[in-house]
Amino acid sequence: MQDLLVFIAQGLVEQPDAVTVTVDDPKEDGTVVYHLHVAADDMGRVIGKQGRIAKAIRTVMRAVGNHREQKAVVEID
């Protein structure tokens, strides 16, 4: 899932080499938190107008997590 998040983010930004994802250990309830890091100039591209792109990224990650029976949360840092 980490690779999927990197792939999605790299398609949106102007500096794809600056995209990194860190993953926290699963919490007690099985939730895995993915921290997406992009260049400061690309932050607006990942968030989108009124957060629409960020919401779409979170929705895709949640759907893939549900398919794998895992709760996925995306934090954009």
N, C-alpha and C. Protein backbone atom coordinates (compact mmCIF):
# COMPACT_ATOMS: atom_id res chain seq x y z
N MET A 1 0.82 -1.19 0.00
CA MET A 1 0.00 0.00 0.00
C MET A 1 0.86 1.25 0.00
N GLN A 2 2.03 1.13 0.59
CA GLN A 2 2.95 2.26 0.62
C GLN A 2 3.36 2.62 -0.82
N ASP A 3 3.60 1.62 -1.64
CA ASP A 3 3.98 1.87 -3.04
C ASP A 3 2.84 2.53 -3.81
N LEU A 4 1.61 2.15 -3.53
CA LEU A 4 0.46 2.76 -4.18
C LEU A 4 0.38 4.24 -3.84
N LEU A 5 0.56 4.58 -2.58
CA LEU A 5 0.50 5.97 -2.15
C LEU A 5 1.61 6.79 -2.81
N VAL A 6 2.80 6.24 -2.90
CA VAL A 6 3.92 6.94 -3.56
C VAL A 6 3.59 7.13 -5.04
N PHE A 7 3.06 6.11 -5.68
CA PHE A 7 2.71 6.19 -7.10
C PHE A 7 1.67 7.28 -7.36
N ILE A 8 0.65 7.33 -6.54
CA ILE A 8 -0.39 8.35 -6.71
C ILE A 8 0.19 9.74 -6.52
N ALA A 9 0.95 9.93 -5.47
CA ALA A 9 1.51 11.25 -5.17
C ALA A 9 2.50 11.70 -6.23
N GLN A 10 3.32 10.80 -6.73
CA GLN A 10 4.31 11.18 -7.74
C GLN A 10 3.64 11.62 -9.03
N GLY A 11 2.47 11.12 -9.31
CA GLY A 11 1.73 11.54 -10.49
C GLY A 11 1.14 12.93 -10.37
N LEU A 12 1.05 13.43 -9.16
CA LEU A 12 0.43 14.74 -8.93
C LEU A 12 1.43 15.88 -8.82
N VAL A 13 2.63 15.60 -8.40
CA VAL A 13 3.58 16.66 -8.04
C VAL A 13 4.57 16.96 -9.15
N GLU A 14 5.24 18.11 -9.01
CA GLU A 14 6.28 18.50 -9.97
C GLU A 14 7.65 17.94 -9.58
N GLN A 15 7.83 17.61 -8.31
CA GLN A 15 9.09 17.05 -7.82
C GLN A 15 8.85 15.64 -7.29
N PRO A 16 8.73 14.66 -8.18
CA PRO A 16 8.40 13.30 -7.72
C PRO A 16 9.49 12.66 -6.87
N ASP A 17 10.73 13.12 -6.99
CA ASP A 17 11.80 12.55 -6.17
C ASP A 17 11.67 12.94 -4.71
N ALA A 18 10.93 14.00 -4.43
CA ALA A 18 10.77 14.47 -3.05
C ALA A 18 9.65 13.75 -2.31
N VAL A 19 8.93 12.88 -2.97
CA VAL A 19 7.81 12.17 -2.35
C VAL A 19 8.34 11.01 -1.52
N THR A 20 7.98 11.00 -0.24
CA THR A 20 8.33 9.89 0.64
C THR A 20 7.11 9.53 1.48
N VAL A 21 7.08 8.29 1.89
CA VAL A 21 6.00 7.81 2.75
C VAL A 21 6.62 7.05 3.91
N THR A 22 6.21 7.40 5.12
CA THR A 22 6.62 6.64 6.29
C THR A 22 5.37 5.96 6.85
N VAL A 23 5.58 4.80 7.44
CA VAL A 23 4.46 4.01 7.94
C VAL A 23 4.66 3.76 9.43
N ASP A 24 3.62 4.05 10.20
CA ASP A 24 3.64 3.76 11.63
C ASP A 24 3.28 2.29 11.85
N ASP A 25 3.70 1.76 12.97
CA ASP A 25 3.31 0.40 13.33
C ASP A 25 1.80 0.35 13.55
N PRO A 26 1.18 -0.78 13.24
CA PRO A 26 -0.27 -0.88 13.44
C PRO A 26 -0.66 -0.65 14.90
N LYS A 27 -1.76 0.07 15.08
CA LYS A 27 -2.28 0.34 16.42
C LYS A 27 -3.03 -0.89 16.91
N GLU A 28 -3.53 -0.82 18.12
CA GLU A 28 -4.24 -1.96 18.71
C GLU A 28 -5.46 -2.38 17.90
N ASP A 29 -6.13 -1.39 17.28
CA ASP A 29 -7.33 -1.71 16.50
C ASP A 29 -7.01 -2.08 15.06
N GLY A 30 -5.73 -2.19 14.72
CA GLY A 30 -5.32 -2.59 13.38
C GLY A 30 -5.14 -1.44 12.41
N THR A 31 -5.27 -0.21 12.88
CA THR A 31 -5.12 0.96 12.01
C THR A 31 -3.65 1.21 11.71
N VAL A 32 -3.35 1.41 10.43
CA VAL A 32 -2.00 1.73 9.99
C VAL A 32 -2.02 3.16 9.46
N VAL A 33 -1.11 4.01 9.97
CA VAL A 33 -1.06 5.40 9.56
C VAL A 33 0.09 5.58 8.58
N TYR A 34 -0.23 6.12 7.40
CA TYR A 34 0.76 6.42 6.37
C TYR A 34 0.97 7.93 6.36
N HIS A 35 2.22 8.35 6.50
CA HIS A 35 2.57 9.77 6.48
C HIS A 35 3.16 10.10 5.12
N LEU A 36 2.48 10.95 4.36
CA LEU A 36 2.93 11.34 3.03
C LEU A 36 3.68 12.66 3.14
N HIS A 37 4.91 12.67 2.66
CA HIS A 37 5.75 13.87 2.68
C HIS A 37 6.04 14.27 1.25
N VAL A 38 5.77 15.54 0.92
CA VAL A 38 6.08 16.08 -0.40
C VAL A 38 6.82 17.40 -0.22
N ALA A 39 7.38 17.91 -1.32
CA ALA A 39 8.06 19.20 -1.27
C ALA A 39 7.04 20.29 -0.92
N ALA A 40 7.52 21.33 -0.28
CA ALA A 40 6.63 22.41 0.16
C ALA A 40 5.89 23.05 -1.02
N ASP A 41 6.54 23.16 -2.15
CA ASP A 41 5.91 23.75 -3.33
C ASP A 41 4.80 22.87 -3.89
N ASP A 42 4.84 21.59 -3.64
CA ASP A 42 3.85 20.65 -4.16
C ASP A 42 2.71 20.36 -3.19
N MET A 43 2.75 20.95 -2.02
CA MET A 43 1.73 20.65 -1.01
C MET A 43 0.32 20.99 -1.52
N GLY A 44 0.19 22.10 -2.20
CA GLY A 44 -1.12 22.49 -2.72
C GLY A 44 -1.64 21.54 -3.77
N ARG A 45 -0.74 20.96 -4.55
CA ARG A 45 -1.15 20.01 -5.58
C ARG A 45 -1.69 18.72 -4.96
N VAL A 46 -1.13 18.32 -3.85
CA VAL A 46 -1.57 17.09 -3.19
C VAL A 46 -2.86 17.31 -2.41
N ILE A 47 -3.02 18.49 -1.84
CA ILE A 47 -4.23 18.78 -1.07
C ILE A 47 -5.39 19.13 -1.99
N GLY A 48 -5.15 19.95 -3.00
CA GLY A 48 -6.19 20.33 -3.94
C GLY A 48 -7.12 21.39 -3.38
N LYS A 49 -8.00 21.87 -4.24
CA LYS A 49 -8.96 22.90 -3.83
C LYS A 49 -9.93 22.31 -2.82
N GLN A 50 -10.01 22.96 -1.69
CA GLN A 50 -10.88 22.54 -0.59
C GLN A 50 -10.62 21.11 -0.15
N GLY A 51 -9.39 20.63 -0.38
CA GLY A 51 -9.00 19.31 0.09
C GLY A 51 -9.56 18.15 -0.71
N ARG A 52 -10.00 18.41 -1.91
CA ARG A 52 -10.65 17.35 -2.70
C ARG A 52 -9.69 16.24 -3.10
N ILE A 53 -8.48 16.62 -3.50
CA ILE A 53 -7.53 15.58 -3.92
C ILE A 53 -7.08 14.77 -2.71
N ALA A 54 -6.83 15.43 -1.58
CA ALA A 54 -6.44 14.72 -0.37
C ALA A 54 -7.54 13.75 0.06
N LYS A 55 -8.78 14.20 -0.04
CA LYS A 55 -9.91 13.33 0.32
C LYS A 55 -9.98 12.12 -0.61
N ALA A 56 -9.73 12.34 -1.91
CA ALA A 56 -9.76 11.24 -2.88
C ALA A 56 -8.63 10.24 -2.60
N ILE A 57 -7.45 10.74 -2.27
CA ILE A 57 -6.33 9.85 -1.93
C ILE A 57 -6.69 9.01 -0.71
N ARG A 58 -7.25 9.65 0.30
CA ARG A 58 -7.63 8.91 1.51
C ARG A 58 -8.70 7.87 1.21
N THR A 59 -9.64 8.20 0.33
CA THR A 59 -10.70 7.26 -0.02
C THR A 59 -10.13 6.04 -0.74
N VAL A 60 -9.21 6.25 -1.67
CA VAL A 60 -8.60 5.13 -2.38
C VAL A 60 -7.82 4.25 -1.41
N MET A 61 -7.05 4.87 -0.54
CA MET A 61 -6.26 4.09 0.42
C MET A 61 -7.15 3.33 1.40
N ARG A 62 -8.26 3.94 1.80
CA ARG A 62 -9.19 3.26 2.69
C ARG A 62 -9.83 2.07 1.99
N ALA A 63 -10.17 2.23 0.71
CA ALA A 63 -10.77 1.14 -0.06
C ALA A 63 -9.81 -0.03 -0.22
N VAL A 64 -8.55 0.27 -0.51
CA VAL A 64 -7.56 -0.79 -0.65
C VAL A 64 -7.33 -1.47 0.70
N GLY A 65 -7.32 -0.67 1.76
CA GLY A 65 -7.17 -1.23 3.10
C GLY A 65 -8.32 -2.15 3.46
N ASN A 66 -9.54 -1.75 3.11
CA ASN A 66 -10.69 -2.61 3.38
C ASN A 66 -10.60 -3.92 2.61
N HIS A 67 -10.10 -3.84 1.40
CA HIS A 67 -9.93 -5.05 0.59
C HIS A 67 -8.93 -6.00 1.25
N ARG A 68 -7.92 -5.44 1.90
CA ARG A 68 -6.89 -6.23 2.58
C ARG A 68 -7.20 -6.44 4.06
N GLU A 69 -8.42 -6.07 4.47
CA GLU A 69 -8.84 -6.19 5.86
C GLU A 69 -7.90 -5.45 6.80
N GLN A 70 -7.64 -4.21 6.46
CA GLN A 70 -6.73 -3.36 7.23
C GLN A 70 -7.28 -1.94 7.19
N LYS A 71 -7.20 -1.24 8.30
CA LYS A 71 -7.62 0.15 8.33
C LYS A 71 -6.43 1.04 7.98
N ALA A 72 -6.61 1.88 6.97
CA ALA A 72 -5.52 2.74 6.52
C ALA A 72 -5.92 4.20 6.69
N VAL A 73 -5.02 4.98 7.27
CA VAL A 73 -5.21 6.41 7.45
C VAL A 73 -4.03 7.12 6.81
N VAL A 74 -4.31 8.18 6.03
CA VAL A 74 -3.25 8.93 5.36
C VAL A 74 -3.15 10.31 6.00
N GLU A 75 -1.96 10.64 6.45
CA GLU A 75 -1.65 11.97 6.98
C GLU A 75 -0.74 12.65 5.97
N ILE A 76 -1.06 13.86 5.58
CA ILE A 76 -0.22 14.60 4.64
C ILE A 76 0.58 15.61 5.44
N ASP A 77 1.89 15.40 5.46
CA ASP A 77 2.78 16.27 6.24
C ASP A 77 3.58 17.16 5.31
